[in-house]
Protein backbone atom coordinates (compact mmCIF):
# COMPACT_ATOMS: atom_id res chain seq x y z
CA MET A 1 0.00 0.00 0.00
CA ALA A 2 1.12 3.52 -0.69
CA ARG A 3 1.71 5.96 2.15
CA ASN A 4 -0.37 9.08 2.59
CA ARG A 5 0.92 12.36 1.10
CA TYR A 6 -1.61 14.46 2.98
CA PRO A 7 -2.32 14.50 6.72
CA GLY A 8 -5.67 13.44 8.10
CA TYR A 9 -7.41 11.28 10.67
CA CYS A 10 -7.47 7.48 10.79
CA TYR A 11 -10.94 6.16 10.02
CA CYS A 12 -10.39 3.21 12.40
CA CYS A 13 -9.04 4.78 15.60
CA GLY A 14 -9.53 8.51 14.92
CA ALA A 15 -5.88 9.40 15.60
CA TYR A 16 -4.22 12.24 13.66
CA VAL A 17 -2.02 10.78 10.90
CA PRO A 18 0.83 13.00 9.65
CA VAL A 19 2.28 12.64 6.14
CA GLY A 20 3.85 9.19 5.66
CA TYR A 21 2.42 7.61 8.81
CA GLY A 22 -0.60 6.00 7.15
CA HIS A 23 -2.05 4.43 4.02
CA PHE A 24 -4.74 5.93 1.81
CA GLU A 25 -7.73 4.09 0.43
CA ARG A 26 -10.23 5.04 -2.21
CA THR A 27 -13.90 4.93 -1.19
CA GLY A 28 -17.06 4.73 -3.26
CA ASP A 29 -18.46 7.91 -1.70
CA PRO A 30 -18.28 10.82 -4.23
CA GLN A 31 -18.00 13.42 -1.43
CA HIS A 32 -15.21 11.63 0.46
CA ARG A 33 -13.19 9.84 -2.20
CA TRP A 34 -10.13 9.09 -0.05
CA ARG A 35 -9.65 7.99 3.53
CA ILE A 36 -6.59 7.33 5.67
CA LYS A 37 -5.73 4.39 7.88
CA CYS A 38 -2.76 4.74 10.26
CA VAL A 39 0.05 2.19 9.94
CA LYS A 40 -0.60 0.93 13.46
CA CYS A 41 -4.21 -0.01 12.60
CA ALA A 42 -3.23 -1.38 9.18
CA SER A 43 -0.34 -3.61 10.20
CA GLY A 44 0.43 -3.08 13.88
CA GLN A 45 3.88 -1.65 13.11
CA VAL A 46 5.41 1.32 14.90
CA VAL A 47 6.73 3.93 12.46
CA HIS A 48 9.52 6.45 13.11
CA ASP A 49 10.66 9.64 11.35
CA THR A 50 13.63 7.77 9.89
CA ASP A 51 11.50 5.08 8.22
CA PRO A 52 12.31 5.11 4.47
CA GLU A 53 8.62 5.20 3.48
CA VAL A 54 7.99 8.22 5.75
CA VAL A 55 10.97 10.07 4.26
CA ARG A 56 9.79 9.23 0.72
CA ALA A 57 6.20 10.35 1.39
CA ARG A 58 7.36 13.65 2.89
CA LYS A 59 9.61 14.26 -0.10
CA LEU A 60 6.79 13.55 -2.56
CA ALA A 61 4.40 15.78 -0.60
CA SER A 62 6.86 18.68 -0.60
CA CYS A 63 7.46 18.27 -4.35
CA SER A 64 3.72 18.40 -5.07
CA ILE A 65 3.38 21.57 -2.97
CA LYS A 66 6.25 23.22 -4.85
CA SER A 67 4.77 22.32 -8.23
CA LYS A 68 1.38 23.78 -7.20
CA GLU A 69 3.09 27.04 -6.18
CA ARG A 70 4.63 27.39 -9.66
CA HIS A 71 1.26 27.22 -11.42
C-alpha cells in the first residue's frame, strides 16, 4: 500500500495521521473519495521519522506543494 501524502485522521481509531504515517484508500463515496488508515491499525507496526517510506512520502508531498506554487 502507498503511504499518505496528505495528513488526516485514521478512520479506524480517529488518531491524527501525519504525512507518511498511514495508508490511503479510495472509497465509493463521491463526497469523500479518499480515507486514511494509520500504519498501526493497518499492520500493527510502529513507524519512526527515519523510516524510508515516511521520508519518501514527505519528499513527494513537498514536491507536489512546490509544483502547485509554480502554477
